[in-house]
PDB file of N, CA and C in Angstrom:
ATOM      1  N   MET A   1     -17.115 109.697  23.906  1.00  0.00           N
ATOM      2  CA  MET A   1     -17.316 109.207  22.566  1.00  0.00           C
ATOM      3  C   MET A   1     -18.787 109.315  22.147  1.00  0.00           C
ATOM      4  N   ARG A   2     -19.696 109.099  23.087  1.00  0.00           N
ATOM      5  CA  ARG A   2     -21.116 109.191  22.770  1.00  0.00           C
ATOM      6  C   ARG A   2     -21.506 110.619  22.418  1.00  0.00           C
ATOM      7  N   ARG A   3     -20.930 111.583  23.102  1.00  0.00           N
ATOM      8  CA  ARG A   3     -21.251 112.973  22.822  1.00  0.00           C
ATOM      9  C   ARG A   3     -20.797 113.374  21.426  1.00  0.00           C
ATOM     10  N   ILE A   4     -19.626 112.931  21.030  1.00  0.00           N
ATOM     11  CA  ILE A   4     -19.112 113.254  19.697  1.00  0.00           C
ATOM     12  C   ILE A   4     -19.983 112.593  18.636  1.00  0.00           C
ATOM     13  N   SER A   5     -20.360 111.349  18.848  1.00  0.00           N
ATOM     14  CA  SER A   5     -21.226 110.645  17.894  1.00  0.00           C
ATOM     15  C   SER A   5     -22.587 111.325  17.797  1.00  0.00           C
ATOM     16  N   ALA A   6     -23.152 111.731  18.917  1.00  0.00           N
ATOM     17  CA  ALA A   6     -24.449 112.419  18.910  1.00  0.00           C
ATOM     18  C   ALA A   6     -24.334 113.761  18.197  1.00  0.00           C
ATOM     19  N   PHE A   7     -23.251 114.489  18.447  1.00  0.00           N
ATOM     20  CA  PHE A   7     -23.039 115.778  17.796  1.00  0.00           C
ATOM     21  C   PHE A   7     -22.920 115.615  16.283  1.00  0.00           C
ATOM     22  N   ILE A   8     -22.162 114.633  15.825  1.00  0.00           N
ATOM     23  CA  ILE A   8     -22.002 114.380  14.389  1.00  0.00           C
ATOM     24  C   ILE A   8     -23.338 113.974  13.773  1.00  0.00           C
ATOM     25  N   LEU A   9     -24.104 113.151  14.461  1.00  0.00           N
ATOM     26  CA  LEU A   9     -25.420 112.733  13.974  1.00  0.00           C
ATOM     27  C   LEU A   9     -26.351 113.941  13.839  1.00  0.00           C
ATOM     28  N   ILE A  10     -26.329 114.849  14.812  1.00  0.00           N
ATOM     29  CA  ILE A  10     -27.165 116.047  14.746  1.00  0.00           C
ATOM     30  C   ILE A  10     -26.751 116.927  13.571  1.00  0.00           C
ATOM     31  N   ILE A  11     -25.472 117.068  13.328  1.00  0.00           N
ATOM     32  CA  ILE A  11     -24.969 117.858  12.203  1.00  0.00           C
ATOM     33  C   ILE A  11     -25.434 117.243  10.879  1.00  0.00           C
ATOM     34  N   ILE A  12     -25.343 115.945  10.747  1.00  0.00           N
ATOM     35  CA  ILE A  12     -25.766 115.263   9.510  1.00  0.00           C
ATOM     36  C   ILE A  12     -27.261 115.442   9.289  1.00  0.00           C
ATOM     37  N   ILE A  13     -28.060 115.294  10.322  1.00  0.00           N
ATOM     38  CA  ILE A  13     -29.511 115.454  10.202  1.00  0.00           C
ATOM     39  C   ILE A  13     -29.847 116.901   9.837  1.00  0.00           C
ATOM     40  N   ALA A  14     -29.209 117.856  10.477  1.00  0.00           N
ATOM     41  CA  ALA A  14     -29.460 119.263  10.176  1.00  0.00           C
ATOM     42  C   ALA A  14     -29.102 119.585   8.725  1.00  0.00           C
ATOM     43  N   PHE A  15     -27.985 119.055   8.242  1.00  0.00           N
ATOM     44  CA  PHE A  15     -27.601 119.286   6.855  1.00  0.00           C
ATOM     45  C   PHE A  15     -28.609 118.654   5.891  1.00  0.00           C
ATOM     46  N   ALA A  16     -29.057 117.439   6.199  1.00  0.00           N
ATOM     47  CA  ALA A  16     -30.038 116.766   5.335  1.00  0.00           C
ATOM     48  C   ALA A  16     -31.347 117.547   5.289  1.00  0.00           C
ATOM     49  N   VAL A  17     -31.791 118.058   6.414  1.00  0.00           N
ATOM     50  CA  VAL A  17     -33.022 118.850   6.448  1.00  0.00           C
ATOM     51  C   VAL A  17     -32.842 120.134   5.654  1.00  0.00           C
ATOM     52  N   TYR A  18     -31.695 120.796   5.806  1.00  0.00           N
ATOM     53  CA  TYR A  18     -31.420 122.017   5.057  1.00  0.00           C
ATOM     54  C   TYR A  18     -31.462 121.761   3.547  1.00  0.00           C
ATOM     55  N   VAL A  19     -30.798 120.724   3.081  1.00  0.00           N
ATOM     56  CA  VAL A  19     -30.774 120.416   1.651  1.00  0.00           C
ATOM     57  C   VAL A  19     -32.175 120.079   1.160  1.00  0.00           C
ATOM     58  N   ASP A  20     -32.921 119.315   1.932  1.00  0.00           N
ATOM     59  CA  ASP A  20     -34.270 118.929   1.531  1.00  0.00           C
ATOM     60  C   ASP A  20     -35.184 120.141   1.425  1.00  0.00           C
ATOM     61  N   LEU A  21     -35.086 121.067   2.355  1.00  0.00           N
ATOM     62  CA  LEU A  21     -35.958 122.232   2.330  1.00  0.00           C
ATOM     63  C   LEU A  21     -35.532 123.274   1.301  1.00  0.00           C
ATOM     64  N   SER A  22     -34.253 123.406   1.044  1.00  0.00           N
ATOM     65  CA  SER A  22     -33.802 124.439   0.118  1.00  0.00           C
ATOM     66  C   SER A  22     -33.772 123.981  -1.333  1.00  0.00           C
ATOM     67  N   LYS A  23     -33.349 122.761  -1.586  1.00  0.00           N
ATOM     68  CA  LYS A  23     -33.213 122.282  -2.962  1.00  0.00           C
ATOM     69  C   LYS A  23     -34.159 121.148  -3.292  1.00  0.00           C
ATOM     70  N   GLY A  24     -34.569 120.398  -2.304  1.00  0.00           N
ATOM     71  CA  GLY A  24     -35.408 119.235  -2.547  1.00  0.00           C
ATOM     72  C   GLY A  24     -34.567 118.028  -2.883  1.00  0.00           C
ATOM     73  N   THR A  25     -35.151 116.865  -2.725  1.00  0.00           N
ATOM     74  CA  THR A  25     -34.416 115.638  -3.002  1.00  0.00           C
ATOM     75  C   THR A  25     -34.963 114.890  -4.202  1.00  0.00           C
ATOM     76  N   LEU A  26     -36.182 115.212  -4.615  1.00  0.00           N
ATOM     77  CA  LEU A  26     -36.778 114.539  -5.757  1.00  0.00           C
ATOM     78  C   LEU A  26     -36.556 115.361  -7.015  1.00  0.00           C
ATOM     79  N   PRO A  27     -36.263 114.706  -8.124  1.00  0.00           N
ATOM     80  CA  PRO A  27     -36.094 115.462  -9.361  1.00  0.00           C
ATOM     81  C   PRO A  27     -37.438 116.020  -9.821  1.00  0.00           C
ATOM     82  N   LYS A  28     -37.399 117.220 -10.372  1.00  0.00           N
ATOM     83  CA  LYS A  28     -38.618 117.832 -10.887  1.00  0.00           C
ATOM     84  C   LYS A  28     -38.840 117.349 -12.308  1.00  0.00           C
ATOM     85  N   HIS A  29     -40.070 116.926 -12.559  1.00  0.00           N
ATOM     86  CA  HIS A  29     -40.438 116.543 -13.914  1.00  0.00           C
ATOM     87  C   HIS A  29     -41.060 117.764 -14.571  1.00  0.00           C
ATOM     88  N   ILE A  30     -40.426 118.258 -15.600  1.00  0.00           N
ATOM     89  CA  ILE A  30     -40.935 119.419 -16.301  1.00  0.00           C
ATOM     90  C   ILE A  30     -41.549 118.947 -17.609  1.00  0.00           C
ATOM     91  N   ALA A  31     -42.841 119.224 -17.740  1.00  0.00           N
ATOM     92  CA  ALA A  31     -43.571 118.793 -18.930  1.00  0.00           C
ATOM     93  C   ALA A  31     -43.180 119.669 -20.111  1.00  0.00           C
ATOM     94  N   PRO A  32     -43.196 119.119 -21.316  1.00  0.00           N
ATOM     95  CA  PRO A  32     -42.855 119.926 -22.484  1.00  0.00           C
ATOM     96  C   PRO A  32     -43.952 120.947 -22.785  1.00  0.00           C
ATOM     97  N   VAL A  33     -43.550 122.095 -23.278  1.00  0.00           N
ATOM     98  CA  VAL A  33     -44.510 123.113 -23.679  1.00  0.00           C
ATOM     99  C   VAL A  33     -45.160 122.647 -24.961  1.00  0.00           C
ATOM    100  N   VAL A  34     -46.492 122.680 -25.006  1.00  0.00           N
ATOM    101  CA  VAL A  34     -47.223 122.072 -26.106  1.00  0.00           C
ATOM    102  C   VAL A  34     -47.501 123.040 -27.241  1.00  0.00           C
ATOM    103  N   ALA A  35     -48.107 124.174 -26.962  1.00  0.00           N
ATOM    104  CA  ALA A  35     -48.522 125.055 -28.049  1.00  0.00           C
ATOM    105  C   ALA A  35     -48.699 126.462 -27.531  1.00  0.00           C
ATOM    106  N   GLU A  36     -49.129 127.326 -28.425  1.00  0.00           N
ATOM    107  CA  GLU A  36     -49.369 128.704 -28.054  1.00  0.00           C
ATOM    108  C   GLU A  36     -50.805 129.051 -28.423  1.00  0.00           C
ATOM    109  N   VAL A  37     -51.500 129.731 -27.525  1.00  0.00           N
ATOM    110  CA  VAL A  37     -52.874 130.139 -27.789  1.00  0.00           C
ATOM    111  C   VAL A  37     -52.967 131.653 -27.682  1.00  0.00           C
ATOM    112  N   THR A  38     -54.050 132.190 -28.186  1.00  0.00           N
ATOM    113  CA  THR A  38     -54.244 133.623 -28.166  1.00  0.00           C
ATOM    114  C   THR A  38     -55.453 133.951 -27.319  1.00  0.00           C
ATOM    115  N   ASN A  39     -55.337 134.960 -26.467  1.00  0.00           N
ATOM    116  CA  ASN A  39     -56.405 135.378 -25.581  1.00  0.00           C
ATOM    117  C   ASN A  39     -56.966 136.695 -26.093  1.00  0.00           C
ATOM    118  N   LEU A  40     -58.214 136.692 -26.588  1.00  0.00           N
ATOM    119  CA  LEU A  40     -58.830 137.904 -27.113  1.00  0.00           C
ATOM    120  C   LEU A  40     -60.089 138.268 -26.331  1.00  0.00           C
ATOM    121  N   GLU A  41     -60.223 137.768 -25.124  1.00  0.00           N
ATOM    122  CA  GLU A  41     -61.414 138.029 -24.329  1.00  0.00           C
ATOM    123  C   GLU A  41     -61.368 139.417 -23.715  1.00  0.00           C
ATOM    124  N   LYS A  42     -62.538 139.970 -23.442  1.00  0.00           N
ATOM    125  CA  LYS A  42     -62.708 141.203 -22.676  1.00  0.00           C
ATOM    126  C   LYS A  42     -61.932 142.372 -23.276  1.00  0.00           C
ATOM    127  N   GLY A  43     -61.814 142.434 -24.582  1.00  0.00           N
ATOM    128  CA  GLY A  43     -61.167 143.557 -25.227  1.00  0.00           C
ATOM    129  C   GLY A  43     -59.671 143.647 -24.998  1.00  0.00           C
ATOM    130  N   GLU A  44     -59.053 142.564 -24.559  1.00  0.00           N
ATOM    131  CA  GLU A  44     -57.617 142.589 -24.312  1.00  0.00           C
ATOM    132  C   GLU A  44     -56.860 142.570 -25.626  1.00  0.00           C
ATOM    133  N   GLN A  45     -55.638 143.031 -25.569  1.00  0.00           N
ATOM    134  CA  GLN A  45     -54.789 142.946 -26.740  1.00  0.00           C
ATOM    135  C   GLN A  45     -54.419 141.488 -26.964  1.00  0.00           C
ATOM    136  N   GLU A  46     -54.009 141.194 -28.172  1.00  0.00           N
ATOM    137  CA  GLU A  46     -53.633 139.823 -28.496  1.00  0.00           C
ATOM    138  C   GLU A  46     -52.351 139.459 -27.757  1.00  0.00           C
ATOM    139  N   VAL A  47     -52.438 138.444 -26.913  1.00  0.00           N
ATOM    140  CA  VAL A  47     -51.299 138.002 -26.122  1.00  0.00           C
ATOM    141  C   VAL A  47     -51.169 136.498 -26.291  1.00  0.00           C
ATOM    142  N   GLY A  48     -50.019 136.030 -26.716  1.00  0.00           N
ATOM    143  CA  GLY A  48     -49.822 134.592 -26.884  1.00  0.00           C
ATOM    144  C   GLY A  48     -49.355 133.957 -25.580  1.00  0.00           C
ATOM    145  N   HIS A  49     -50.008 132.886 -25.178  1.00  0.00           N
ATOM    146  CA  HIS A  49     -49.605 132.148 -23.982  1.00  0.00           C
ATOM    147  C   HIS A  49     -49.194 130.748 -24.389  1.00  0.00           C
ATOM    148  N   THR A  50     -48.069 130.318 -23.906  1.00  0.00           N
ATOM    149  CA  THR A  50     -47.696 128.933 -24.114  1.00  0.00           C
ATOM    150  C   THR A  50     -48.247 128.138 -22.949  1.00  0.00           C
ATOM    151  N   TYR A  51     -48.448 126.850 -23.180  1.00  0.00           N
ATOM    152  CA  TYR A  51     -48.996 126.011 -22.125  1.00  0.00           C
ATOM    153  C   TYR A  51     -48.419 124.617 -22.207  1.00  0.00           C
ATOM    154  N   PHE A  52     -48.611 123.857 -21.158  1.00  0.00           N
ATOM    155  CA  PHE A  52     -48.236 122.457 -21.127  1.00  0.00           C
ATOM    156  C   PHE A  52     -49.421 121.679 -20.574  1.00  0.00           C
ATOM    157  N   GLU A  53     -49.495 120.413 -20.926  1.00  0.00           N
ATOM    158  CA  GLU A  53     -50.574 119.563 -20.437  1.00  0.00           C
ATOM    159  C   GLU A  53     -50.029 118.629 -19.371  1.00  0.00           C
ATOM    160  N   LYS A  54     -50.829 118.412 -18.332  1.00  0.00           N
ATOM    161  CA  LYS A  54     -50.408 117.534 -17.245  1.00  0.00           C
ATOM    162  C   LYS A  54     -51.631 116.884 -16.634  1.00  0.00           C
ATOM    163  N   GLU A  55     -51.472 115.613 -16.276  1.00  0.00           N
ATOM    164  CA  GLU A  55     -52.523 114.905 -15.555  1.00  0.00           C
ATOM    165  C   GLU A  55     -52.416 115.262 -14.077  1.00  0.00           C
ATOM    166  N   VAL A  56     -53.551 115.568 -13.472  1.00  0.00           N
ATOM    167  CA  VAL A  56     -53.581 116.012 -12.079  1.00  0.00           C
ATOM    168  C   VAL A  56     -53.577 114.790 -11.160  1.00  0.00           C
ATOM    169  N   ASN A  57     -52.678 114.806 -10.174  1.00  0.00           N
ATOM    170  CA  ASN A  57     -52.607 113.758  -9.156  1.00  0.00           C
ATOM    171  C   ASN A  57     -53.336 114.220  -7.909  1.00  0.00           C
ATOM    172  N   ARG A  58     -53.589 113.291  -6.992  1.00  0.00           N
ATOM    173  CA  ARG A  58     -54.231 113.649  -5.724  1.00  0.00           C
ATOM    174  C   ARG A  58     -53.376 114.690  -5.008  1.00  0.00           C
ATOM    175  N   GLY A  59     -54.034 115.702  -4.485  1.00  0.00           N
ATOM    176  CA  GLY A  59     -53.334 116.733  -3.730  1.00  0.00           C
ATOM    177  C   GLY A  59     -52.762 117.856  -4.578  1.00  0.00           C
ATOM    178  N   ASP A  60     -52.777 117.727  -5.895  1.00  0.00           N
ATOM    179  CA  ASP A  60     -52.269 118.787  -6.758  1.00  0.00           C
ATOM    180  C   ASP A  60     -53.260 119.942  -6.828  1.00  0.00           C
ATOM    181  N   THR A  61     -52.731 121.135  -6.916  1.00  0.00           N
ATOM    182  CA  THR A  61     -53.537 122.320  -7.190  1.00  0.00           C
ATOM    183  C   THR A  61     -52.975 122.978  -8.434  1.00  0.00           C
ATOM    184  N   VAL A  62     -53.747 123.869  -9.009  1.00  0.00           N
ATOM    185  CA  VAL A  62     -53.268 124.576 -10.196  1.00  0.00           C
ATOM    186  C   VAL A  62     -51.985 125.326  -9.869  1.00  0.00           C
ATOM    187  N   LEU A  63     -51.967 125.996  -8.743  1.00  0.00           N
ATOM    188  CA  LEU A  63     -50.794 126.773  -8.363  1.00  0.00           C
ATOM    189  C   LEU A  63     -49.576 125.895  -8.118  1.00  0.00           C
ATOM    190  N   SER A  64     -49.756 124.742  -7.468  1.00  0.00           N
ATOM    191  CA  SER A  64     -48.604 123.870  -7.200  1.00  0.00           C
ATOM    192  C   SER A  64     -48.029 123.297  -8.492  1.00  0.00           C
ATOM    193  N   ILE A  65     -48.891 122.955  -9.435  1.00  0.00           N
ATOM    194  CA  ILE A  65     -48.417 122.420 -10.718  1.00  0.00           C
ATOM    195  C   ILE A  65     -47.673 123.497 -11.504  1.00  0.00           C
ATOM    196  N   ILE A  66     -48.216 124.712 -11.513  1.00  0.00           N
ATOM    197  CA  ILE A  66     -47.574 125.795 -12.248  1.00  0.00           C
ATOM    198  C   ILE A  66     -46.248 126.177 -11.596  1.00  0.00           C
ATOM    199  N   GLU A  67     -46.175 126.144 -10.267  1.00  0.00           N
ATOM    200  CA  GLU A  67     -44.913 126.448  -9.579  1.00  0.00           C
ATOM    201  C   GLU A  67     -43.852 125.403  -9.875  1.00  0.00           C
ATOM    202  N   GLN A  68     -44.244 124.137 -10.029  1.00  0.00           N
ATOM    203  CA  GLN A  68     -43.276 123.081 -10.354  1.00  0.00           C
ATOM    204  C   GLN A  68     -42.696 123.281 -11.748  1.00  0.00           C
ATOM    205  N   GLN A  69     -43.507 123.752 -12.668  1.00  0.00           N
ATOM    206  CA  GLN A  69     -43.109 123.887 -14.069  1.00  0.00           C
ATOM    207  C   GLN A  69     -42.367 125.192 -14.351  1.00  0.00           C
ATOM    208  N   ASN A  70     -42.759 126.267 -13.697  1.00  0.00           N
ATOM    209  CA  ASN A  70     -42.259 127.593 -14.020  1.00  0.00           C
ATOM    210  C   ASN A  70     -41.295 128.092 -12.956  1.00  0.00           C
ATOM    211  N   MET A  71     -40.312 128.833 -13.391  1.00  0.00           N
ATOM    212  CA  MET A  71     -39.362 129.461 -12.486  1.00  0.00           C
ATOM    213  C   MET A  71     -39.728 130.941 -12.334  1.00  0.00           C
ATOM    214  N   ASN A  72     -39.502 131.471 -11.156  1.00  0.00           N
ATOM    215  CA  ASN A  72     -39.648 132.898 -10.882  1.00  0.00           C
ATOM    216  C   ASN A  72     -41.038 133.449 -11.210  1.00  0.00           C
ATOM    217  N   ILE A  73     -42.072 132.874 -10.607  1.00  0.00           N
ATOM    218  CA  ILE A  73     -43.412 133.419 -10.794  1.00  0.00           C
ATOM    219  C   ILE A  73     -43.905 134.098  -9.517  1.00  0.00           C
ATOM    220  N   GLU A  74     -42.993 134.434  -8.614  1.00  0.00           N
ATOM    221  CA  GLU A  74     -43.374 135.029  -7.342  1.00  0.00           C
ATOM    222  C   GLU A  74     -44.124 136.342  -7.527  1.00  0.00           C
ATOM    223  N   ASN A  75     -43.786 137.125  -8.537  1.00  0.00           N
ATOM    224  CA  ASN A  75     -44.400 138.433  -8.750  1.00  0.00           C
ATOM    225  C   ASN A  75     -45.653 138.373  -9.607  1.00  0.00           C
ATOM    226  N   LEU A  76     -46.052 137.201 -10.034  1.00  0.00           N
ATOM    227  CA  LEU A  76     -47.223 137.045 -10.884  1.00  0.00           C
ATOM    228  C   LEU A  76     -48.469 136.900 -10.015  1.00  0.00           C
ATOM    229  N   PRO A  77     -49.468 137.761 -10.191  1.00  0.00           N
ATOM    230  CA  PRO A  77     -50.676 137.678  -9.358  1.00  0.00           C
ATOM    231  C   PRO A  77     -51.429 136.356  -9.582  1.00  0.00           C
ATOM    232  N   ILE A  78     -51.988 135.855  -8.503  1.00  0.00           N
ATOM    233  CA  ILE A  78     -52.709 134.580  -8.572  1.00  0.00           C
ATOM    234  C   ILE A  78     -53.936 134.699  -9.465  1.00  0.00           C
ATOM    235  N   ASN A  79     -54.595 135.858  -9.464  1.00  0.00           N
ATOM    236  CA  ASN A  79     -55.784 136.001 -10.305  1.00  0.00           C
ATOM    237  C   ASN A  79     -55.443 135.925 -11.794  1.00  0.00           C
ATOM    238  N   VAL A  80     -54.233 136.354 -12.180  1.00  0.00           N
ATOM    239  CA  VAL A  80     -53.797 136.228 -13.581  1.00  0.00           C
ATOM    240  C   VAL A  80     -53.601 134.750 -13.926  1.00  0.00           C
ATOM    241  N   ILE A  81     -52.994 134.003 -13.025  1.00  0.00           N
ATOM    242  CA  ILE A  81     -52.799 132.572 -13.244  1.00  0.00           C
ATOM    243  C   ILE A  81     -54.157 131.880 -13.374  1.00  0.00           C
ATOM    244  N   ALA A  82     -55.097 132.219 -12.491  1.00  0.00           N
ATOM    245  CA  ALA A  82     -56.430 131.609 -12.527  1.00  0.00           C
ATOM    246  C   ALA A  82     -57.156 131.938 -13.829  1.00  0.00           C
ATOM    247  N   GLU A  83     -57.065 133.191 -14.282  1.00  0.00           N
ATOM    248  CA  GLU A  83     -57.716 133.582 -15.539  1.00  0.00           C
ATOM    249  C   GLU A  83     -57.096 132.860 -16.731  1.00  0.00           C
ATOM    250  N   ASP A  84     -55.758 132.770 -16.761  1.00  0.00           N
ATOM    251  CA  ASP A  84     -55.090 132.072 -17.860  1.00  0.00           C
ATOM    252  C   ASP A  84     -55.471 130.596 -17.880  1.00  0.00           C
ATOM    253  N   PHE A  85     -55.526 129.968 -16.691  1.00  0.00           N
ATOM    254  CA  PHE A  85     -55.926 128.553 -16.620  1.00  0.00           C
ATOM    255  C   PHE A  85     -57.347 128.376 -17.138  1.00  0.00           C
ATOM    256  N   SER A  86     -58.273 129.233 -16.720  1.00  0.00           N
ATOM    257  CA  SER A  86     -59.666 129.131 -17.165  1.00  0.00           C
ATOM    258  C   SER A  86     -59.783 129.335 -18.668  1.00  0.00           C
ATOM    259  N   THR A  87     -59.014 130.273 -19.210  1.00  0.00           N
ATOM    260  CA  THR A  87     -59.041 130.518 -20.650  1.00  0.00           C
ATOM    261  C   THR A  87     -58.562 129.298 -21.427  1.00  0.00           C
ATOM    262  N   LEU A  88     -57.505 128.673 -20.953  1.00  0.00           N
ATOM    263  CA  LEU A  88     -56.961 127.505 -21.645  1.00  0.00           C
ATOM    264  C   LEU A  88     -57.878 126.291 -21.560  1.00  0.00           C
ATOM    265  N   ASN A  89     -58.706 126.219 -20.520  1.00  0.00           N
ATOM    266  CA  ASN A  89     -59.530 125.025 -20.282  1.00  0.00           C
ATOM    267  C   ASN A  89     -61.022 125.301 -20.408  1.00  0.00           C
ATOM    268  N   ASN A  90     -61.395 126.173 -21.325  1.00  0.00           N
ATOM    269  CA  ASN A  90     -62.801 126.445 -21.645  1.00  0.00           C
ATOM    270  C   ASN A  90     -63.625 126.828 -20.429  1.00  0.00           C
ATOM    271  N   GLY A  91     -63.097 127.703 -19.587  1.00  0.00           N
ATOM    272  CA  GLY A  91     -63.852 128.232 -18.471  1.00  0.00           C
ATOM    273  C   GLY A  91     -63.846 127.417 -17.196  1.00  0.00           C
ATOM    274  N   ILE A  92     -63.097 126.329 -17.153  1.00  0.00           N
ATOM    275  CA  ILE A  92     -63.015 125.537 -15.922  1.00  0.00           C
ATOM    276  C   ILE A  92     -62.247 126.353 -14.892  1.00  0.00           C
ATOM    277  N   LYS A  93     -62.812 126.495 -13.701  1.00  0.00           N
ATOM    278  CA  LYS A  93     -62.160 127.251 -12.636  1.00  0.00           C
ATOM    279  C   LYS A  93     -61.080 126.393 -11.984  1.00  0.00           C
ATOM    280  N   PRO A  94     -60.017 127.015 -11.483  1.00  0.00           N
ATOM    281  CA  PRO A  94     -58.938 126.251 -10.850  1.00  0.00           C
ATOM    282  C   PRO A  94     -59.405 125.355  -9.703  1.00  0.00           C
ATOM    283  N   GLU A  95     -60.416 125.794  -8.955  1.00  0.00           N
ATOM    284  CA  GLU A  95     -60.887 124.986  -7.831  1.00  0.00           C
ATOM    285  C   GLU A  95     -61.765 123.809  -8.274  1.00  0.00           C
ATOM    286  N   GLU A  96     -62.063 123.705  -9.559  1.00  0.00           N
ATOM    287  CA  GLU A  96     -62.905 122.629 -10.067  1.00  0.00           C
ATOM    288  C   GLU A  96     -62.118 121.472 -10.693  1.00  0.00           C
ATOM    289  N   ILE A  97     -60.785 121.516 -10.616  1.00  0.00           N
ATOM    290  CA  ILE A  97     -60.020 120.439 -11.239  1.00  0.00           C
ATOM    291  C   ILE A  97     -60.228 119.139 -10.468  1.00  0.00           C
ATOM    292  N   GLN A  98     -60.120 118.034 -11.188  1.00  0.00           N
ATOM    293  CA  GLN A  98     -60.300 116.715 -10.594  1.00  0.00           C
ATOM    294  C   GLN A  98     -59.084 115.867 -10.918  1.00  0.00           C
ATOM    295  N   TYR A  99     -58.640 115.093  -9.916  1.00  0.00           N
ATOM    296  CA  TYR A  99     -57.465 114.274 -10.154  1.00  0.00           C
ATOM    297  C   TYR A  99     -57.794 113.198 -11.189  1.00  0.00           C
ATOM    298  N   GLY A 100     -56.790 112.835 -11.934  1.00  0.00           N
ATOM    299  CA  GLY A 100     -56.951 111.844 -12.989  1.00  0.00           C
ATOM    300  C   GLY A 100     -57.241 112.467 -14.345  1.00  0.00           C
ATOM    301  N   ASN A 101     -57.692 113.710 -14.369  1.00  0.00           N
ATOM    302  CA  ASN A 101     -57.961 114.399 -15.629  1.00  0.00           C
ATOM    303  C   ASN A 101     -56.728 115.178 -16.071  1.00  0.00           C
ATOM    304  N   THR A 102     -56.609 115.397 -17.373  1.00  0.00           N
ATOM    305  CA  THR A 102     -55.503 116.158 -17.935  1.00  0.00           C
ATOM    306  C   THR A 102     -55.998 117.546 -18.292  1.00  0.00           C
ATOM    307  N   TYR A 103     -55.255 118.557 -17.882  1.00  0.00           N
ATOM    308  CA  TYR A 103     -55.606 119.940 -18.140  1.00  0.00           C
ATOM    309  C   TYR A 103     -54.435 120.667 -18.783  1.00  0.00           C
ATOM    310  N   LYS A 104     -54.726 121.829 -19.356  1.00  0.00           N
ATOM    311  CA  LYS A 104     -53.706 122.702 -19.911  1.00  0.00           C
ATOM    312  C   LYS A 104     -53.354 123.741 -18.847  1.00  0.00           C
ATOM    313  N   PHE A 105     -52.063 123.924 -18.601  1.00  0.00           N
ATOM    314  CA  PHE A 105     -51.580 124.881 -17.613  1.00  0.00           C
ATOM    315  C   PHE A 105     -50.703 125.905 -18.308  1.00  0.00           C
ATOM    316  N   PRO A 106     -50.875 127.198 -17.998  1.00  0.00           N
ATOM    317  CA  PRO A 106     -50.054 128.217 -18.651  1.00  0.00           C
ATOM    318  C   PRO A 106     -48.589 128.099 -18.260  1.00  0.00           C
ATOM    319  N   SER A 107     -47.739 128.361 -19.233  1.00  0.00           N
ATOM    320  CA  SER A 107     -46.303 128.340 -19.006  1.00  0.00           C
ATOM    321  C   SER A 107     -45.793 129.766 -19.119  1.00  0.00           C
ATOM    322  N   TYR A 108     -45.101 130.229 -18.073  1.00  0.00           N
ATOM    323  CA  TYR A 108     -44.618 131.606 -18.030  1.00  0.00           C
ATOM    324  C   TYR A 108     -43.105 131.682 -18.162  1.00  0.00           C
ATOM    325  N   ASN A 109     -42.428 130.610 -18.524  1.00  0.00           N
ATOM    326  CA  ASN A 109     -40.962 130.606 -18.585  1.00  0.00           C
ATOM    327  C   ASN A 109     -40.418 131.530 -19.672  1.00  0.00           C
ATOM    328  N   ASN A 110     -41.093 131.655 -20.799  1.00  0.00           N
ATOM    329  CA  ASN A 110     -40.562 132.431 -21.919  1.00  0.00           C
ATOM    330  C   ASN A 110     -41.058 133.863 -21.924  1.00  0.00           C
ATOM    331  N   GLU A 111     -41.879 134.238 -20.933  1.00  0.00           N
ATOM    332  CA  GLU A 111     -42.428 135.589 -20.917  1.00  0.00           C
ATOM    333  C   GLU A 111     -41.638 136.466 -19.987  1.00  0.00           C
ATOM    334  N   ASN A 112     -41.706 137.770 -20.191  1.00  0.00           N
ATOM    335  CA  ASN A 112     -40.964 138.709 -19.348  1.00  0.00           C
ATOM    336  C   ASN A 112     -41.726 139.047 -18.109  1.00  0.00           C
TER     337      ASN A 112
END
């Protein structure tokens, strides 16, 4: 009887770990998209970027916040994300963010 109970307990724990790692257990809070801005720096063509505002918590990074908000950004280069963040926040670099402050983060959900 102990072996069966231990086996069932291991199966339950393995399933819980699988669900936690694949889907997560906490609901994602998706901030509303606020506005659209235009990037005309460095001779680029006019490109509209939507963004959302979020207060940074301890341990947050620009990339982690953008990954929480946006779906399917795996193919988007990190340097593009960093440039878009700096453009939206008057030249603030992603590594210079401070917790407790609110910043604008680019939203890539509506773009191809």
